[in-house]
C-alpha atoms as a PDB file:
ATOM      1  CA  ALA A   1      -9.279 -23.429   7.466  1.00  0.00           C
ATOM      2  CA  SER A   2      -7.818 -20.467   5.612  1.00  0.00           C
ATOM      3  CA  GLN A   3      -4.454 -19.063   6.614  1.00  0.00           C
ATOM      4  CA  ARG A   4      -4.326 -15.731   8.418  1.00  0.00           C
ATOM      5  CA  TRP A   5      -1.609 -13.151   8.771  1.00  0.00           C
ATOM      6  CA  ASP A   6      -1.070 -10.230  11.130  1.00  0.00           C
ATOM      7  CA  LEU A   7       1.381  -8.506   8.812  1.00  0.00           C
ATOM      8  CA  ILE A   8       1.950  -8.722   5.071  1.00  0.00           C
ATOM      9  CA  VAL A   9       5.278  -7.309   3.879  1.00  0.00           C
ATOM     10  CA  GLY A  10       6.009  -6.205   0.327  1.00  0.00           C
ATOM     11  CA  ALA A  11       8.697  -4.198  -1.457  1.00  0.00           C
ATOM     12  CA  ASP A  12       8.869  -2.663  -4.945  1.00  0.00           C
ATOM     13  CA  LEU A  13       5.529  -4.201  -5.926  1.00  0.00           C
ATOM     14  CA  VAL A  14       4.299  -1.516  -8.323  1.00  0.00           C
ATOM     15  CA  TYR A  15       6.250  -1.739 -11.562  1.00  0.00           C
ATOM     16  CA  ASP A  16       3.731  -3.134 -14.065  1.00  0.00           C
ATOM     17  CA  GLU A  17       0.691  -0.909 -14.549  1.00  0.00           C
ATOM     18  CA  ALA A  18      -1.405  -3.775 -15.924  1.00  0.00           C
ATOM     19  CA  ALA A  19      -0.831  -5.845 -12.760  1.00  0.00           C
ATOM     20  CA  VAL A  20      -1.956  -3.164 -10.275  1.00  0.00           C
ATOM     21  CA  PRO A  21      -5.642  -4.205 -10.158  1.00  0.00           C
ATOM     22  CA  ALA A  22      -4.675  -7.830  -9.416  1.00  0.00           C
ATOM     23  CA  LEU A  23      -2.179  -6.680  -6.766  1.00  0.00           C
ATOM     24  CA  ALA A  24      -4.861  -4.549  -5.099  1.00  0.00           C
ATOM     25  CA  ALA A  25      -7.326  -7.445  -5.141  1.00  0.00           C
ATOM     26  CA  THR A  26      -4.738  -9.805  -3.641  1.00  0.00           C
ATOM     27  CA  LEU A  27      -3.766  -7.410  -0.842  1.00  0.00           C
ATOM     28  CA  ALA A  28      -7.432  -6.723  -0.052  1.00  0.00           C
ATOM     29  CA  SER A  29      -8.247 -10.439   0.019  1.00  0.00           C
ATOM     30  CA  LEU A  30      -5.349 -11.240   2.354  1.00  0.00           C
ATOM     31  CA  LEU A  31      -6.217  -8.367   4.705  1.00  0.00           C
ATOM     32  CA  ARG A  32      -9.911  -9.363   4.808  1.00  0.00           C
ATOM     33  CA  ARG A  33      -8.975 -12.810   6.117  1.00  0.00           C
ATOM     34  CA  SER A  34      -7.621 -11.381   9.360  1.00  0.00           C
ATOM     35  CA  PRO A  35      -9.387  -8.499  11.096  1.00  0.00           C
ATOM     36  CA  GLY A  36      -6.778  -5.993  12.250  1.00  0.00           C
ATOM     37  CA  ALA A  37      -4.150  -7.260   9.806  1.00  0.00           C
ATOM     38  CA  ARG A  38      -1.920  -4.717   8.086  1.00  0.00           C
ATOM     39  CA  ALA A  39       0.376  -4.602   5.091  1.00  0.00           C
ATOM     40  CA  LEU A  40       3.774  -2.909   5.339  1.00  0.00           C
ATOM     41  CA  LEU A  41       4.888  -1.760   1.892  1.00  0.00           C
ATOM     42  CA  ALA A  42       8.202  -0.226   0.809  1.00  0.00           C
ATOM     43  CA  LEU A  43       7.600   1.472  -2.534  1.00  0.00           C
ATOM     44  CA  PRO A  44       9.989   3.530  -4.665  1.00  0.00           C
ATOM     45  CA  ASP A  45       9.063   7.050  -5.656  1.00  0.00           C
ATOM     46  CA  ARG A  46       8.970   6.728  -9.431  1.00  0.00           C
ATOM     47  CA  ALA A  47       6.494   7.889 -12.068  1.00  0.00           C
ATOM     48  CA  GLU A  48       6.724   5.717 -15.153  1.00  0.00           C
ATOM     49  CA  PHE A  49       3.100   4.674 -15.743  1.00  0.00           C
ATOM     50  CA  ASP A  50       1.180   6.172 -18.659  1.00  0.00           C
ATOM     51  CA  GLU A  51      -1.855   6.946 -16.469  1.00  0.00           C
ATOM     52  CA  PRO A  52      -2.323   9.126 -14.621  1.00  0.00           C
ATOM     53  CA  ALA A  53      -0.191  11.541 -16.611  1.00  0.00           C
ATOM     54  CA  ASP A  54       0.027  14.018 -13.736  1.00  0.00           C
ATOM     55  CA  GLY A  55       3.459  12.945 -12.511  1.00  0.00           C
ATOM     56  CA  ARG A  56       2.185  11.268  -9.327  1.00  0.00           C
ATOM     57  CA  PRO A  57       4.246   8.327  -8.096  1.00  0.00           C
ATOM     58  CA  ASP A  58       3.199   4.980  -9.563  1.00  0.00           C
ATOM     59  CA  TYR A  59       2.247   3.635  -6.127  1.00  0.00           C
ATOM     60  CA  ARG A  60      -0.640   6.149  -6.043  1.00  0.00           C
ATOM     61  CA  VAL A  61      -2.336   4.027  -8.722  1.00  0.00           C
ATOM     62  CA  LEU A  62      -2.252   1.103  -6.264  1.00  0.00           C
ATOM     63  CA  PHE A  63      -3.659   3.250  -3.459  1.00  0.00           C
ATOM     64  CA  ASP A  64      -6.434   4.506  -5.736  1.00  0.00           C
ATOM     65  CA  GLN A  65      -7.374   0.867  -6.398  1.00  0.00           C
ATOM     66  CA  LEU A  66      -7.203  -0.090  -2.708  1.00  0.00           C
ATOM     67  CA  SER A  67      -9.555   2.761  -1.785  1.00  0.00           C
ATOM     68  CA  LEU A  68     -12.331   1.381  -4.002  1.00  0.00           C
ATOM     69  CA  PRO A  69     -15.354  -0.234  -2.293  1.00  0.00           C
ATOM     70  CA  GLU A  70     -14.705  -3.613  -3.939  1.00  0.00           C
ATOM     71  CA  HIS A  71     -11.370  -3.731  -2.099  1.00  0.00           C
ATOM     72  CA  GLY A  72     -12.830  -2.699   1.246  1.00  0.00           C
ATOM     73  CA  CYS A  73     -11.885   0.988   1.016  1.00  0.00           C
ATOM     74  CA  LEU A  74      -8.428   0.283   2.424  1.00  0.00           C
ATOM     75  CA  ALA A  75      -6.289   3.211   3.536  1.00  0.00           C
ATOM     76  CA  ALA A  76      -2.539   3.728   3.128  1.00  0.00           C
ATOM     77  CA  VAL A  77      -0.694   5.741   5.762  1.00  0.00           C
ATOM     78  CA  GLN A  78       2.871   6.840   5.091  1.00  0.00           C
ATOM     79  CA  ILE A  79       5.064   5.992   8.075  1.00  0.00           C
ATOM     80  CA  GLY A  80       8.530   6.783   6.747  1.00  0.00           C
ATOM     81  CA  CYS A  81      10.840   7.598   3.888  1.00  0.00           C
ATOM     82  CA  ILE A  82      14.338   6.343   3.054  1.00  0.00           C
ATOM     83  CA  SER A  83      16.539   8.598   0.920  1.00  0.00           C
ATOM     84  CA  SER A  84      17.958   7.262  -2.328  1.00  0.00           C
ATOM     85  CA  GLU A  85      21.437   7.458  -0.790  1.00  0.00           C
ATOM     86  CA  GLU A  86      20.401   5.381   2.243  1.00  0.00           C
ATOM     87  CA  ALA A  87      18.496   2.911   0.067  1.00  0.00           C
ATOM     88  CA  GLY A  88      21.277   2.567  -2.492  1.00  0.00           C
ATOM     89  CA  THR A  89      18.969   3.417  -5.380  1.00  0.00           C
ATOM     90  CA  LEU A  90      19.920   5.659  -8.263  1.00  0.00           C
ATOM     91  CA  GLU A  91      17.270   8.343  -7.916  1.00  0.00           C
ATOM     92  CA  SER A  92      14.236   7.015  -6.096  1.00  0.00           C
ATOM     93  CA  GLU A  93      13.388   7.537  -2.457  1.00  0.00           C
ATOM     94  CA  ILE A  94      11.683   4.571  -0.821  1.00  0.00           C
ATOM     95  CA  HIS A  95       8.399   5.373   0.917  1.00  0.00           C
ATOM     96  CA  LEU A  96       7.104   3.151   3.720  1.00  0.00           C
ATOM     97  CA  PHE A  97       3.353   2.670   4.094  1.00  0.00           C
ATOM     98  CA  LEU A  98       0.968   0.782   6.319  1.00  0.00           C
ATOM     99  CA  VAL A  99      -2.154  -0.378   4.516  1.00  0.00           C
ATOM    100  CA  LEU A 100      -5.032  -0.540   6.984  1.00  0.00           C
ATOM    101  CA  GLN A 101      -8.604  -1.747   6.963  1.00  0.00           C
ATOM    102  CA  ARG A 102     -11.360   0.782   7.597  1.00  0.00           C
ATOM    103  CA  ASP A 103     -14.259   0.245   9.968  1.00  0.00           C
ATOM    104  CA  GLU A 104     -17.908   0.575   9.007  1.00  0.00           C
ATOM    105  CA  GLN A 105     -17.826   4.373   9.354  1.00  0.00           C
ATOM    106  CA  GLY A 106     -14.932   4.631   6.908  1.00  0.00           C
ATOM    107  CA  GLU A 107     -12.388   5.479   9.601  1.00  0.00           C
ATOM    108  CA  GLN A 108      -8.972   3.847   9.608  1.00  0.00           C
ATOM    109  CA  ARG A 109      -8.898   1.086  12.168  1.00  0.00           C
ATOM    110  CA  ASP A 110      -6.381   1.699  14.905  1.00  0.00           C
ATOM    111  CA  ALA A 111      -4.731   4.512  12.951  1.00  0.00           C
ATOM    112  CA  SER A 112      -3.308   6.242  16.011  1.00  0.00           C
ATOM    113  CA  SER A 113      -1.388   3.200  17.174  1.00  0.00           C
ATOM    114  CA  SER A 114      -0.409   2.359  13.585  1.00  0.00           C
ATOM    115  CA  ALA A 115       1.392   5.658  13.179  1.00  0.00           C
ATOM    116  CA  ARG A 116       3.491   4.869  16.239  1.00  0.00           C
ATOM    117  CA  THR A 117       4.387   1.380  15.065  1.00  0.00           C
END
């Protein structure tokens, strides 16, 4: 039997642009194993990747990947932000996200209760 998780926790996962597709595939695979499972991610607000060159935070590249059909059209909902002073980082705020599965209609599953969690 395959292992299942209710919650996957990750921090500072997006720092190598070349690894983002594999990270997205791994998160999607783990979330597919358990209906209703979520991922809680703490990601710094930095923009160091070459693409996209629009200054968006690097974690947006991960969310773009997660939203693709091959990854189940997962959705990321921001649930908080920690200032650089509170986090003890030099310049980057830390953004907290829940990554949720979508139902067949493309709606976020249990999004209303997720925002309160």
